[in-house]
Protein backbone atom coordinates (compact mmCIF):
# COMPACT_ATOMS: atom_id res chain seq x y z
CA UNK A 1 -21.03 27.95 5.74
CA UNK A 2 -19.60 25.45 6.62
CA UNK A 3 -15.56 24.64 5.84
CA UNK A 4 -14.63 21.37 4.05
CA UNK A 5 -13.84 18.47 5.73
CA UNK A 6 -10.58 17.30 5.22
CA UNK A 7 -9.86 13.61 3.78
CA UNK A 8 -7.79 11.06 5.56
CA UNK A 9 -5.21 11.12 2.22
CA UNK A 10 -4.25 13.90 1.18
CA UNK A 11 -0.80 13.29 -0.92
CA UNK A 12 0.43 15.54 -3.13
CA UNK A 13 -0.44 16.32 -6.50
CA UNK A 14 -0.67 13.33 -8.30
CA UNK A 15 1.72 13.89 -11.16
CA UNK A 16 1.76 9.97 -12.82
CA UNK A 17 -1.51 8.63 -14.13
CA UNK A 18 -1.25 4.68 -14.93
CA UNK A 19 -5.11 4.29 -16.47
CA UNK A 20 -7.23 0.69 -16.30
CA UNK A 21 -5.06 -0.01 -19.98
CA UNK A 22 -1.45 0.18 -18.39
CA UNK A 23 0.32 -2.96 -18.14
CA UNK A 24 4.17 -2.69 -17.30
CA UNK A 25 6.40 -5.95 -15.98
CA UNK A 26 9.16 -4.90 -14.96
CA UNK A 27 10.83 -2.44 -11.62
CA UNK A 28 8.70 1.16 -11.30
CA UNK A 29 10.92 4.22 -10.18
CA UNK A 30 9.20 7.19 -10.14
CA UNK A 31 9.59 10.03 -7.79
CA UNK A 32 6.70 12.65 -6.14
CA UNK A 33 3.06 10.88 -6.60
CA UNK A 34 1.93 8.20 -8.78
CA UNK A 35 -1.35 6.50 -9.09
CA UNK A 36 -2.31 3.27 -10.30
CA UNK A 37 -5.21 1.71 -12.12
CA UNK A 38 -3.67 -0.83 -13.53
CA UNK A 39 -1.69 -3.89 -13.48
CA UNK A 40 2.24 -3.62 -11.90
CA UNK A 41 4.02 -7.58 -12.25
CA UNK A 42 8.07 -7.27 -10.82
CA UNK A 43 8.66 -4.31 -8.25
CA UNK A 44 7.85 -0.24 -7.55
CA UNK A 45 10.14 1.87 -6.05
CA UNK A 46 10.53 5.10 -5.26
CA UNK A 47 12.46 6.62 -1.52
CA UNK A 48 10.58 9.85 -2.01
CA UNK A 49 7.94 9.43 -3.55
CA UNK A 50 4.29 8.17 -3.06
CA UNK A 51 1.71 5.62 -4.84
CA UNK A 52 -1.66 5.52 -5.27
CA UNK A 53 -3.22 2.29 -5.44
CA UNK A 54 -6.75 2.62 -7.85
CA UNK A 55 -9.86 -0.19 -6.17
CA UNK A 56 -9.14 -1.71 -9.86
CA UNK A 57 -5.57 -1.77 -10.13
CA UNK A 58 -3.87 -5.16 -9.37
CA UNK A 59 -0.31 -5.27 -8.58
CA UNK A 60 1.79 -8.07 -7.81
CA UNK A 61 4.99 -6.61 -6.59
CA UNK A 62 7.46 -5.57 -4.08
CA UNK A 63 6.39 -1.87 -3.10
CA UNK A 64 9.62 0.12 -1.33
CA UNK A 65 7.69 4.04 -1.58
CA UNK A 66 8.44 7.04 1.16
CA UNK A 67 3.47 6.59 1.29
CA UNK A 68 1.59 4.25 -0.29
CA UNK A 69 -2.20 4.21 -0.14
CA UNK A 70 -4.16 1.42 -1.27
CA UNK A 71 -7.81 0.95 -2.62
CA UNK A 72 -7.02 -1.94 -5.03
CA UNK A 73 -5.65 -5.65 -4.84
CA UNK A 74 -1.85 -6.33 -3.56
CA UNK A 75 0.03 -9.10 -3.43
CA UNK A 76 3.39 -9.02 -2.75
CA UNK A 77 5.52 -6.77 0.49
CA UNK A 78 4.71 -3.39 1.01
CA UNK A 79 6.99 -1.06 2.86
CA UNK A 80 7.42 2.61 2.99
CA UNK A 81 9.53 5.24 5.06
CA UNK A 82 6.40 6.81 6.58
CA UNK A 83 3.37 5.42 6.28
CA UNK A 84 0.94 2.56 3.98
CA UNK A 85 -2.78 3.84 3.95
CA UNK A 86 -5.46 0.59 3.64
CA UNK A 87 -8.67 1.95 2.30
CA UNK A 88 -12.09 -1.30 1.37
CA UNK A 89 -11.75 -2.32 -0.70
CA UNK A 90 -8.47 -2.86 -0.77
CA UNK A 91 -7.67 -7.41 -0.99
CA UNK A 92 -3.43 -7.39 0.53
CA UNK A 93 -1.47 -10.17 0.37
CA UNK A 94 2.18 -10.23 1.26
CA UNK A 95 3.49 -8.49 4.62
CA UNK A 96 3.23 -4.42 5.88
CA UNK A 97 5.79 -2.54 7.24
CA UNK A 98 5.03 0.99 8.00
CA UNK A 99 6.10 3.16 11.21
CA UNK A 100 2.56 4.46 10.26
CA UNK A 101 -0.31 1.60 9.55
CA UNK A 102 -3.97 1.86 9.32
CA UNK A 103 -6.87 -0.31 7.60
CA UNK A 104 -10.01 0.63 7.77
CA UNK A 105 -13.24 -1.62 8.27
CA UNK A 106 -13.66 -3.48 5.07
CA UNK A 107 -10.32 -4.33 3.89
CA UNK A 108 -8.76 -8.05 3.10
CA UNK A 109 -5.35 -8.35 4.54
CA UNK A 110 -3.10 -12.06 4.68
CA UNK A 111 0.39 -10.79 5.87
CA UNK A 112 2.66 -9.89 8.52
CA UNK A 113 2.72 -6.05 9.63
CA UNK A 114 5.42 -4.36 11.67
CA UNK A 115 5.16 -0.99 12.59
CA UNK A 116 9.79 -0.56 12.46
CA UNK A 117 11.96 1.08 10.31
CA UNK A 118 12.02 -2.40 7.68
CA UNK A 119 10.66 -5.67 7.84
CA UNK A 120 12.80 -8.39 8.12
CA UNK A 121 14.51 -10.49 4.79
CA UNK A 122 12.35 -13.22 3.59
CA UNK A 123 12.69 -16.24 5.24
CA UNK A 124 14.03 -14.35 9.32
CA UNK A 125 12.05 -13.31 11.83
CA UNK A 126 11.93 -9.46 12.14
CA UNK A 127 13.81 -6.95 14.52
CA UNK A 128 10.48 -5.37 16.00
CA UNK A 129 7.40 -7.77 17.11
CA UNK A 130 4.96 -8.67 14.46
CA UNK A 131 1.32 -8.69 14.31
CA UNK A 132 0.28 -11.90 12.65
CA UNK A 133 -3.42 -11.29 10.65
CA UNK A 134 -5.11 -14.10 8.32
CA UNK A 135 -7.62 -13.45 6.09
CA UNK A 136 -8.94 -10.42 8.78
CA UNK A 137 -11.90 -9.56 7.64
CA UNK A 138 -13.12 -5.96 9.31
CA UNK A 139 -16.63 -5.25 9.76
CA UNK A 140 -18.17 -2.12 10.39
CA UNK A 141 -20.89 -4.24 12.69
CA UNK A 142 -18.48 -6.57 14.79
């Protein structure tokens, strides 16, 4: 009997689910792990939580969390103290920053990527060297 293969990401148990019909305009603060399949406009904050953005989700917000797993559309800055994982069919427009970053083939990413502890304020250069990526479409058939 074969052992089950471990998935690329194994977040803790999801404590909150915001479904497709959910719309939030403002600040979303949470603890533990939250999955968003709806729409958020504003700000998403959690010092020790994990944000999972589903494939049909649309986020127009600055995000500052412990970990972010993105499969949907995000417009805004994403800053994670631990890691950011981005999987197809995600579309990211904005800067990302985390010590560990993974971008899957098929993702569309427009912004700056920094693997330092934090992003510089908007309009300033980042403290650590950053990689500029413009309309990067990864493909398995390179």
